[in-house]
Amino acid sequence: MKLMEITLLGSGDAIGMPVPMCGCEYCQKSERRRRPGLLVETNQTTLVFEMSPDIKEQLHKVDVYDVDAFFVTHFHFDHFSGIRELNHIAIEQHVLNPEDFDYNGVHGREITVYGNETVWSYLQDKQGHIAENDNIDFQVMSAGEKARVGDIVVESFRVEHGEETHGYAIQKGDKKVVYVPDVRSIPEDEDSYEDADIALMEGQLFGAESHGYTEEIEQNIEQVGADRTVLVNISEHLNQMHTGELEEAAEKKDYEVWNDFESTEL
């Protein structure tokens, strides 16, 4: 019986790999990196973190067709635009004459989403028809709040990344996973991330500084202090490094670089 298994659904940055309209050697020779996403599974519970624009492909790739809840860190396109994809299966009626068809459709599925107040406000302001869909159950989660879904407890914590953004500490029993994909800094008064077995964290620290400077990102990783650190928000294109070079550079710092759909069991 597995305690908890995690699968990286997307290891890339906001653009992903390859970059649109780019024929450079790094885009041509690197494996694809999808936008952010993490799958967490136990024998009882399935959770997905982020709703990226690649969410449909990501879930099909790992053969996941039932999700107990989605958790979103913030409303940026690469983390939340997949709500539009999932809203299509939450719509009660997809065709005008369903009585003429004898098939088991997926439409009318209930979808539970956890996110902060800013994400909820954004959804109401920019995608009101989705916010008003009764089959989208959006649960507003404050920093420091815990949500129990099945046999997993998820606790949110604040991170600095422009608009209100949360990281998540995901725990079953004595096993803990920390997920912080986009971050410049983590307030020192946060502590829910402590004692993690593995952390998946902002990892753009090999020359292409985006969300934060290299020393800031490394300070975040040191602050979390997980037994293992997997770098996400990775781009061969931005760093002008081939995948093997990124992996070697990370290994020298005692970090890991995964490809999409790599997994580990805790």
C-alpha atoms as a PDB file:
ATOM      1  CA  MET A   1       0.000   0.000   0.000  1.00  0.00           C
ATOM      2  CA  LYS A   2       1.515   3.324  -1.038  1.00  0.00           C
ATOM      3  CA  LEU A   3       1.456   6.155   1.456  1.00  0.00           C
ATOM      4  CA  MET A   4       1.695   8.995  -1.055  1.00  0.00           C
ATOM      5  CA  GLU A   5       2.839   9.213  -4.679  1.00  0.00           C
ATOM      6  CA  ILE A   6       3.627  12.462  -6.460  1.00  0.00           C
ATOM      7  CA  THR A   7       3.900  13.005 -10.207  1.00  0.00           C
ATOM      8  CA  LEU A   8       5.191  16.190 -11.808  1.00  0.00           C
ATOM      9  CA  LEU A   9       2.621  17.112 -14.466  1.00  0.00           C
ATOM     10  CA  GLY A  10       4.482  20.174 -15.704  1.00  0.00           C
ATOM     11  CA  SER A  11       8.056  21.292 -15.050  1.00  0.00           C
ATOM     12  CA  GLY A  12       8.187  24.335 -17.322  1.00  0.00           C
ATOM     13  CA  ASP A  13       7.743  28.058 -16.975  1.00  0.00           C
ATOM     14  CA  ALA A  14       4.907  30.267 -18.239  1.00  0.00           C
ATOM     15  CA  ILE A  15       5.814  29.713 -21.906  1.00  0.00           C
ATOM     16  CA  GLY A  16       6.925  26.088 -21.642  1.00  0.00           C
ATOM     17  CA  MET A  17       9.292  24.202 -23.901  1.00  0.00           C
ATOM     18  CA  PRO A  18       9.634  24.526 -26.805  1.00  0.00           C
ATOM     19  CA  VAL A  19       9.060  28.276 -26.911  1.00  0.00           C
ATOM     20  CA  PRO A  20       6.538  29.406 -29.568  1.00  0.00           C
ATOM     21  CA  MET A  21       8.092  30.448 -32.892  1.00  0.00           C
ATOM     22  CA  CYS A  22      11.626  29.568 -31.790  1.00  0.00           C
ATOM     23  CA  GLY A  23      13.939  27.251 -33.694  1.00  0.00           C
ATOM     24  CA  CYS A  24      16.973  27.518 -31.415  1.00  0.00           C
ATOM     25  CA  GLU A  25      18.935  24.377 -30.608  1.00  0.00           C
ATOM     26  CA  TYR A  26      17.557  24.286 -27.069  1.00  0.00           C
ATOM     27  CA  CYS A  27      13.936  24.336 -28.230  1.00  0.00           C
ATOM     28  CA  GLN A  28      14.693  21.788 -30.956  1.00  0.00           C
ATOM     29  CA  LYS A  29      16.603  19.271 -28.824  1.00  0.00           C
ATOM     30  CA  SER A  30      14.969  19.479 -25.383  1.00  0.00           C
ATOM     31  CA  GLU A  31      12.082  17.359 -24.190  1.00  0.00           C
ATOM     32  CA  ARG A  32       8.789  19.156 -23.865  1.00  0.00           C
ATOM     33  CA  ARG A  33       8.134  21.004 -20.619  1.00  0.00           C
ATOM     34  CA  ARG A  34       4.477  21.703 -19.933  1.00  0.00           C
ATOM     35  CA  ARG A  35       3.117  24.443 -17.738  1.00  0.00           C
ATOM     36  CA  PRO A  36       3.012  23.900 -13.951  1.00  0.00           C
ATOM     37  CA  GLY A  37       1.187  20.995 -12.360  1.00  0.00           C
ATOM     38  CA  LEU A  38       1.530  18.354  -9.650  1.00  0.00           C
ATOM     39  CA  LEU A  39      -0.461  15.165  -9.055  1.00  0.00           C
ATOM     40  CA  VAL A  40      -0.648  13.740  -5.524  1.00  0.00           C
ATOM     41  CA  GLU A  41      -2.203  10.307  -5.002  1.00  0.00           C
ATOM     42  CA  THR A  42      -2.864   7.898  -2.167  1.00  0.00           C
ATOM     43  CA  ASN A  43      -4.957   4.741  -2.273  1.00  0.00           C
ATOM     44  CA  GLN A  44      -7.967   6.858  -1.303  1.00  0.00           C
ATOM     45  CA  THR A  45      -7.407  10.363  -2.637  1.00  0.00           C
ATOM     46  CA  THR A  46      -6.363  12.140  -5.853  1.00  0.00           C
ATOM     47  CA  LEU A  47      -5.372  15.804  -5.789  1.00  0.00           C
ATOM     48  CA  VAL A  48      -4.091  18.052  -8.572  1.00  0.00           C
ATOM     49  CA  PHE A  49      -2.200  21.264  -7.953  1.00  0.00           C
ATOM     50  CA  GLU A  50      -2.641  23.969 -10.618  1.00  0.00           C
ATOM     51  CA  MET A  51      -5.009  24.082 -13.593  1.00  0.00           C
ATOM     52  CA  SER A  52      -2.590  24.879 -16.396  1.00  0.00           C
ATOM     53  CA  PRO A  53      -3.501  25.425 -20.061  1.00  0.00           C
ATOM     54  CA  ASP A  54      -2.089  21.913 -20.596  1.00  0.00           C
ATOM     55  CA  ILE A  55      -4.397  20.313 -18.005  1.00  0.00           C
ATOM     56  CA  LYS A  56      -6.374  18.167 -20.450  1.00  0.00           C
ATOM     57  CA  GLU A  57      -3.275  16.541 -21.908  1.00  0.00           C
ATOM     58  CA  GLN A  58      -1.616  16.247 -18.514  1.00  0.00           C
ATOM     59  CA  LEU A  59      -4.497  14.319 -16.950  1.00  0.00           C
ATOM     60  CA  HIS A  60      -4.908  12.028 -19.943  1.00  0.00           C
ATOM     61  CA  LYS A  61      -1.179  11.308 -19.948  1.00  0.00           C
ATOM     62  CA  VAL A  62      -1.351   9.942 -16.383  1.00  0.00           C
ATOM     63  CA  ASP A  63      -4.749   8.245 -16.865  1.00  0.00           C
ATOM     64  CA  VAL A  64      -6.458  10.347 -14.200  1.00  0.00           C
ATOM     65  CA  TYR A  65     -10.200  10.732 -14.783  1.00  0.00           C
ATOM     66  CA  ASP A  66     -11.422  11.423 -11.248  1.00  0.00           C
ATOM     67  CA  VAL A  67      -9.950  14.192  -9.102  1.00  0.00           C
ATOM     68  CA  ASP A  68     -11.130  14.824  -5.558  1.00  0.00           C
ATOM     69  CA  ALA A  69      -9.957  18.445  -5.581  1.00  0.00           C
ATOM     70  CA  PHE A  70      -7.793  20.949  -7.426  1.00  0.00           C
ATOM     71  CA  PHE A  71      -5.592  23.466  -5.597  1.00  0.00           C
ATOM     72  CA  VAL A  72      -4.393  26.673  -7.288  1.00  0.00           C
ATOM     73  CA  THR A  73      -1.469  28.805  -6.126  1.00  0.00           C
ATOM     74  CA  HIS A  74      -2.470  32.015  -7.988  1.00  0.00           C
ATOM     75  CA  PHE A  75      -4.456  33.196 -11.002  1.00  0.00           C
ATOM     76  CA  HIS A  76      -1.723  33.667 -13.619  1.00  0.00           C
ATOM     77  CA  PHE A  77      -2.388  32.129 -17.044  1.00  0.00           C
ATOM     78  CA  ASP A  78       0.054  29.236 -16.694  1.00  0.00           C
ATOM     79  CA  HIS A  79      -1.460  28.195 -13.351  1.00  0.00           C
ATOM     80  CA  PHE A  80      -5.188  28.794 -13.678  1.00  0.00           C
ATOM     81  CA  SER A  81      -6.357  29.143 -17.287  1.00  0.00           C
ATOM     82  CA  GLY A  82      -7.130  25.408 -17.408  1.00  0.00           C
ATOM     83  CA  ILE A  83     -10.302  26.196 -15.454  1.00  0.00           C
ATOM     84  CA  ARG A  84     -11.786  27.026 -18.846  1.00  0.00           C
ATOM     85  CA  GLU A  85     -11.055  23.509 -20.093  1.00  0.00           C
ATOM     86  CA  LEU A  86     -12.522  21.887 -17.003  1.00  0.00           C
ATOM     87  CA  ASN A  87     -15.575  24.116 -17.039  1.00  0.00           C
ATOM     88  CA  HIS A  88     -16.686  22.374 -20.236  1.00  0.00           C
ATOM     89  CA  ILE A  89     -17.197  19.097 -18.401  1.00  0.00           C
ATOM     90  CA  ALA A  90     -18.921  20.932 -15.538  1.00  0.00           C
ATOM     91  CA  ILE A  91     -21.585  22.328 -17.866  1.00  0.00           C
ATOM     92  CA  GLU A  92     -24.817  20.435 -17.293  1.00  0.00           C
ATOM     93  CA  GLN A  93     -25.940  20.283 -20.917  1.00  0.00           C
ATOM     94  CA  HIS A  94     -23.486  20.179 -23.783  1.00  0.00           C
ATOM     95  CA  VAL A  95     -25.849  19.471 -26.668  1.00  0.00           C
ATOM     96  CA  LEU A  96     -29.355  20.750 -27.302  1.00  0.00           C
ATOM     97  CA  ASN A  97     -30.900  17.311 -27.770  1.00  0.00           C
ATOM     98  CA  PRO A  98     -29.146  14.924 -25.325  1.00  0.00           C
ATOM     99  CA  GLU A  99     -32.206  12.655 -25.216  1.00  0.00           C
ATOM    100  CA  ASP A 100     -31.398  11.553 -28.788  1.00  0.00           C
ATOM    101  CA  PHE A 101     -28.048  10.084 -27.750  1.00  0.00           C
ATOM    102  CA  ASP A 102     -27.405   6.917 -25.787  1.00  0.00           C
ATOM    103  CA  TYR A 103     -24.012   7.461 -24.207  1.00  0.00           C
ATOM    104  CA  ASN A 104     -22.470   8.143 -20.819  1.00  0.00           C
ATOM    105  CA  GLY A 105     -21.133  11.675 -21.047  1.00  0.00           C
ATOM    106  CA  VAL A 106     -18.823  13.476 -18.639  1.00  0.00           C
ATOM    107  CA  HIS A 107     -20.800  16.697 -18.681  1.00  0.00           C
ATOM    108  CA  GLY A 108     -22.316  17.908 -15.452  1.00  0.00           C
ATOM    109  CA  ARG A 109     -19.319  16.739 -13.404  1.00  0.00           C
ATOM    110  CA  GLU A 110     -18.776  18.547 -10.115  1.00  0.00           C
ATOM    111  CA  ILE A 111     -15.311  20.065  -9.724  1.00  0.00           C
ATOM    112  CA  THR A 112     -13.899  21.273  -6.403  1.00  0.00           C
ATOM    113  CA  VAL A 113     -11.253  23.999  -6.518  1.00  0.00           C
ATOM    114  CA  TYR A 114      -9.318  25.511  -3.614  1.00  0.00           C
ATOM    115  CA  GLY A 115      -7.625  28.889  -4.004  1.00  0.00           C
ATOM    116  CA  ASN A 116      -7.108  32.199  -2.282  1.00  0.00           C
ATOM    117  CA  GLU A 117      -9.488  35.162  -2.257  1.00  0.00           C
ATOM    118  CA  THR A 118      -7.617  36.878  -5.089  1.00  0.00           C
ATOM    119  CA  VAL A 119      -8.071  33.863  -7.376  1.00  0.00           C
ATOM    120  CA  TRP A 120     -11.782  33.786  -6.580  1.00  0.00           C
ATOM    121  CA  SER A 121     -12.144  37.524  -7.241  1.00  0.00           C
ATOM    122  CA  TYR A 122     -10.305  37.154 -10.543  1.00  0.00           C
ATOM    123  CA  LEU A 123     -12.610  34.324 -11.602  1.00  0.00           C
ATOM    124  CA  GLN A 124     -15.695  36.371 -10.742  1.00  0.00           C
ATOM    125  CA  ASP A 125     -14.400  39.470 -12.555  1.00  0.00           C
ATOM    126  CA  LYS A 126     -12.910  37.859 -15.675  1.00  0.00           C
ATOM    127  CA  GLN A 127     -14.809  34.571 -16.063  1.00  0.00           C
ATOM    128  CA  GLY A 128     -18.112  35.243 -14.372  1.00  0.00           C
ATOM    129  CA  HIS A 129     -19.931  32.486 -16.256  1.00  0.00           C
ATOM    130  CA  ILE A 130     -17.532  29.950 -14.743  1.00  0.00           C
ATOM    131  CA  ALA A 131     -17.845  31.410 -11.238  1.00  0.00           C
ATOM    132  CA  GLU A 132     -21.622  31.141 -11.560  1.00  0.00           C
ATOM    133  CA  ASN A 133     -21.536  27.494 -12.665  1.00  0.00           C
ATOM    134  CA  ASP A 134     -23.101  25.531  -9.804  1.00  0.00           C
ATOM    135  CA  ASN A 135     -20.894  22.538 -10.638  1.00  0.00           C
ATOM    136  CA  ILE A 136     -17.721  24.518  -9.940  1.00  0.00           C
ATOM    137  CA  ASP A 137     -17.346  24.383  -6.158  1.00  0.00           C
ATOM    138  CA  PHE A 138     -14.745  27.040  -5.351  1.00  0.00           C
ATOM    139  CA  GLN A 139     -13.461  26.954  -1.780  1.00  0.00           C
ATOM    140  CA  VAL A 140     -11.684  30.129  -0.668  1.00  0.00           C
ATOM    141  CA  MET A 141      -8.626  29.204   1.392  1.00  0.00           C
ATOM    142  CA  SER A 142      -6.763  31.698   3.555  1.00  0.00           C
ATOM    143  CA  ALA A 143      -3.049  31.510   4.268  1.00  0.00           C
ATOM    144  CA  GLY A 144      -2.469  29.241   7.242  1.00  0.00           C
ATOM    145  CA  GLU A 145      -5.725  27.384   6.691  1.00  0.00           C
ATOM    146  CA  LYS A 146      -5.844  23.596   6.415  1.00  0.00           C
ATOM    147  CA  ALA A 147      -8.127  21.570   4.159  1.00  0.00           C
ATOM    148  CA  ARG A 148      -8.640  17.849   4.607  1.00  0.00           C
ATOM    149  CA  VAL A 149      -9.516  15.970   1.443  1.00  0.00           C
ATOM    150  CA  GLY A 150      -9.834  12.247   2.014  1.00  0.00           C
ATOM    151  CA  ASP A 151      -6.707  11.117   3.850  1.00  0.00           C
ATOM    152  CA  ILE A 152      -4.576  14.141   2.850  1.00  0.00           C
ATOM    153  CA  VAL A 153      -4.243  17.422   4.730  1.00  0.00           C
ATOM    154  CA  VAL A 154      -3.235  20.485   2.691  1.00  0.00           C
ATOM    155  CA  GLU A 155      -2.071  23.673   4.413  1.00  0.00           C
ATOM    156  CA  SER A 156      -1.569  26.922   2.532  1.00  0.00           C
ATOM    157  CA  PHE A 157       1.115  29.501   3.253  1.00  0.00           C
ATOM    158  CA  ARG A 158       1.990  32.931   1.865  1.00  0.00           C
ATOM    159  CA  VAL A 159       4.726  33.518  -0.670  1.00  0.00           C
ATOM    160  CA  GLU A 160       5.814  36.738  -2.362  1.00  0.00           C
ATOM    161  CA  HIS A 161       5.050  36.731  -6.093  1.00  0.00           C
ATOM    162  CA  GLY A 162       3.269  39.904  -7.100  1.00  0.00           C
ATOM    163  CA  GLU A 163      -0.433  39.216  -6.582  1.00  0.00           C
ATOM    164  CA  GLU A 164      -1.534  37.107  -3.632  1.00  0.00           C
ATOM    165  CA  THR A 165       0.120  33.718  -4.047  1.00  0.00           C
ATOM    166  CA  HIS A 166       0.127  30.625  -1.869  1.00  0.00           C
ATOM    167  CA  GLY A 167       2.398  27.644  -1.515  1.00  0.00           C
ATOM    168  CA  TYR A 168       1.082  24.348  -0.199  1.00  0.00           C
ATOM    169  CA  ALA A 169       2.257  21.813   2.373  1.00  0.00           C
ATOM    170  CA  ILE A 170       0.706  18.449   1.554  1.00  0.00           C
ATOM    171  CA  GLN A 171       0.739  15.783   4.223  1.00  0.00           C
ATOM    172  CA  LYS A 172      -0.390  12.253   4.940  1.00  0.00           C
ATOM    173  CA  GLY A 173       0.790  10.751   8.177  1.00  0.00           C
ATOM    174  CA  ASP A 174       4.425  11.698   8.693  1.00  0.00           C
ATOM    175  CA  LYS A 175       5.092  12.254   4.974  1.00  0.00           C
ATOM    176  CA  LYS A 176       5.102  15.824   3.683  1.00  0.00           C
ATOM    177  CA  VAL A 177       5.414  17.398   0.232  1.00  0.00           C
ATOM    178  CA  VAL A 178       5.868  21.144  -0.286  1.00  0.00           C
ATOM    179  CA  TYR A 179       4.831  22.805  -3.549  1.00  0.00           C
ATOM    180  CA  VAL A 180       6.071  26.336  -4.297  1.00  0.00           C
ATOM    181  CA  PRO A 181       6.351  26.779  -8.091  1.00  0.00           C
ATOM    182  CA  ASP A 182       6.514  30.594  -8.404  1.00  0.00           C
ATOM    183  CA  VAL A 183       8.151  32.617  -5.648  1.00  0.00           C
ATOM    184  CA  ARG A 184      10.509  35.465  -4.977  1.00  0.00           C
ATOM    185  CA  SER A 185      10.556  35.084  -1.214  1.00  0.00           C
ATOM    186  CA  ILE A 186       8.805  33.272   1.612  1.00  0.00           C
ATOM    187  CA  PRO A 187       7.928  35.306   4.722  1.00  0.00           C
ATOM    188  CA  GLU A 188      10.042  34.158   7.658  1.00  0.00           C
ATOM    189  CA  ASP A 189       6.998  33.826   9.910  1.00  0.00           C
ATOM    190  CA  GLU A 190       5.658  30.971   7.766  1.00  0.00           C
ATOM    191  CA  ASP A 191       6.541  27.509   9.048  1.00  0.00           C
ATOM    192  CA  SER A 192       4.059  25.015   7.612  1.00  0.00           C
ATOM    193  CA  TYR A 193       6.664  23.930   5.050  1.00  0.00           C
ATOM    194  CA  GLU A 194       9.074  22.665   7.696  1.00  0.00           C
ATOM    195  CA  ASP A 195      10.235  19.025   7.867  1.00  0.00           C
ATOM    196  CA  ALA A 196       9.273  18.206   4.255  1.00  0.00           C
ATOM    197  CA  ASP A 197      10.436  14.985   2.655  1.00  0.00           C
ATOM    198  CA  ILE A 198      10.454  16.626  -0.765  1.00  0.00           C
ATOM    199  CA  ALA A 199       9.874  20.157  -2.064  1.00  0.00           C
ATOM    200  CA  LEU A 200       9.048  21.158  -5.623  1.00  0.00           C
ATOM    201  CA  MET A 201      10.221  24.748  -5.871  1.00  0.00           C
ATOM    202  CA  GLU A 202      11.008  27.652  -8.148  1.00  0.00           C
ATOM    203  CA  GLY A 203      14.291  26.726  -9.809  1.00  0.00           C
ATOM    204  CA  GLN A 204      15.236  29.419 -12.317  1.00  0.00           C
ATOM    205  CA  LEU A 205      18.710  29.946 -10.863  1.00  0.00           C
ATOM    206  CA  PHE A 206      21.201  29.115 -13.593  1.00  0.00           C
ATOM    207  CA  GLY A 207      21.594  32.510 -15.191  1.00  0.00           C
ATOM    208  CA  ALA A 208      18.090  33.401 -16.373  1.00  0.00           C
ATOM    209  CA  GLU A 209      16.689  35.241 -13.382  1.00  0.00           C
ATOM    210  CA  SER A 210      12.941  35.807 -13.673  1.00  0.00           C
ATOM    211  CA  HIS A 211      10.806  35.663 -10.520  1.00  0.00           C
ATOM    212  CA  GLY A 212      13.749  36.369  -8.280  1.00  0.00           C
ATOM    213  CA  TYR A 213      17.512  36.663  -8.233  1.00  0.00           C
ATOM    214  CA  THR A 214      19.577  33.498  -7.888  1.00  0.00           C
ATOM    215  CA  GLU A 215      20.561  34.208  -4.277  1.00  0.00           C
ATOM    216  CA  GLU A 216      16.898  34.794  -3.367  1.00  0.00           C
ATOM    217  CA  ILE A 217      15.780  31.510  -4.921  1.00  0.00           C
ATOM    218  CA  GLU A 218      18.555  29.578  -3.214  1.00  0.00           C
ATOM    219  CA  GLN A 219      17.658  31.255   0.088  1.00  0.00           C
ATOM    220  CA  ASN A 220      14.054  30.064  -0.341  1.00  0.00           C
ATOM    221  CA  ILE A 221      15.241  26.503  -0.915  1.00  0.00           C
ATOM    222  CA  GLU A 222      17.520  26.674   2.118  1.00  0.00           C
ATOM    223  CA  GLN A 223      14.708  28.165   4.198  1.00  0.00           C
ATOM    224  CA  VAL A 224      12.333  25.308   3.339  1.00  0.00           C
ATOM    225  CA  GLY A 225      15.110  22.798   4.032  1.00  0.00           C
ATOM    226  CA  ALA A 226      13.447  19.712   2.538  1.00  0.00           C
ATOM    227  CA  ASP A 227      15.268  16.394   2.383  1.00  0.00           C
ATOM    228  CA  ARG A 228      15.005  16.562  -1.426  1.00  0.00           C
ATOM    229  CA  THR A 229      14.419  19.566  -3.692  1.00  0.00           C
ATOM    230  CA  VAL A 230      13.050  19.278  -7.232  1.00  0.00           C
ATOM    231  CA  LEU A 231      13.414  22.428  -9.331  1.00  0.00           C
ATOM    232  CA  VAL A 232      10.396  23.550 -11.349  1.00  0.00           C
ATOM    233  CA  ASN A 233       9.718  26.572 -13.563  1.00  0.00           C
ATOM    234  CA  ILE A 234      12.647  25.293 -15.659  1.00  0.00           C
ATOM    235  CA  SER A 235      13.545  26.414 -19.196  1.00  0.00           C
ATOM    236  CA  GLU A 236      16.432  25.276 -21.363  1.00  0.00           C
ATOM    237  CA  HIS A 237      15.616  28.136 -23.729  1.00  0.00           C
ATOM    238  CA  LEU A 238      15.900  30.894 -21.114  1.00  0.00           C
ATOM    239  CA  ASN A 239      19.058  29.451 -19.593  1.00  0.00           C
ATOM    240  CA  GLN A 240      20.628  28.580 -22.976  1.00  0.00           C
ATOM    241  CA  MET A 241      21.559  25.186 -21.548  1.00  0.00           C
ATOM    242  CA  HIS A 242      20.765  21.701 -22.746  1.00  0.00           C
ATOM    243  CA  THR A 243      18.834  19.426 -20.394  1.00  0.00           C
ATOM    244  CA  GLY A 244      21.892  17.434 -19.379  1.00  0.00           C
ATOM    245  CA  GLU A 245      23.706  20.644 -18.482  1.00  0.00           C
ATOM    246  CA  LEU A 246      20.779  21.804 -16.327  1.00  0.00           C
ATOM    247  CA  GLU A 247      20.663  18.445 -14.564  1.00  0.00           C
ATOM    248  CA  GLU A 248      24.409  18.506 -13.874  1.00  0.00           C
ATOM    249  CA  ALA A 249      24.295  22.097 -12.605  1.00  0.00           C
ATOM    250  CA  ALA A 250      21.407  21.204 -10.274  1.00  0.00           C
ATOM    251  CA  GLU A 251      23.135  18.072  -9.014  1.00  0.00           C
ATOM    252  CA  LYS A 252      26.201  20.104  -8.029  1.00  0.00           C
ATOM    253  CA  LYS A 253      23.920  22.127  -5.757  1.00  0.00           C
ATOM    254  CA  ASP A 254      22.255  18.928  -4.468  1.00  0.00           C
ATOM    255  CA  TYR A 255      19.000  19.680  -6.308  1.00  0.00           C
ATOM    256  CA  GLU A 256      17.063  17.573  -8.817  1.00  0.00           C
ATOM    257  CA  VAL A 257      15.655  18.408 -12.255  1.00  0.00           C
ATOM    258  CA  TRP A 258      12.815  16.166 -13.442  1.00  0.00           C
ATOM    259  CA  ASN A 259      11.126  15.811 -16.778  1.00  0.00           C
ATOM    260  CA  ASP A 260       7.340  15.949 -17.029  1.00  0.00           C
ATOM    261  CA  PHE A 261       5.541  12.916 -15.585  1.00  0.00           C
ATOM    262  CA  GLU A 262       8.432  11.731 -13.449  1.00  0.00           C
ATOM    263  CA  SER A 263       7.222  10.524 -10.087  1.00  0.00           C
ATOM    264  CA  THR A 264       8.294   9.264  -6.705  1.00  0.00           C
ATOM    265  CA  GLU A 265       6.572   7.378  -3.915  1.00  0.00           C
ATOM    266  CA  LEU A 266       6.891   8.411  -0.283  1.00  0.00           C
END
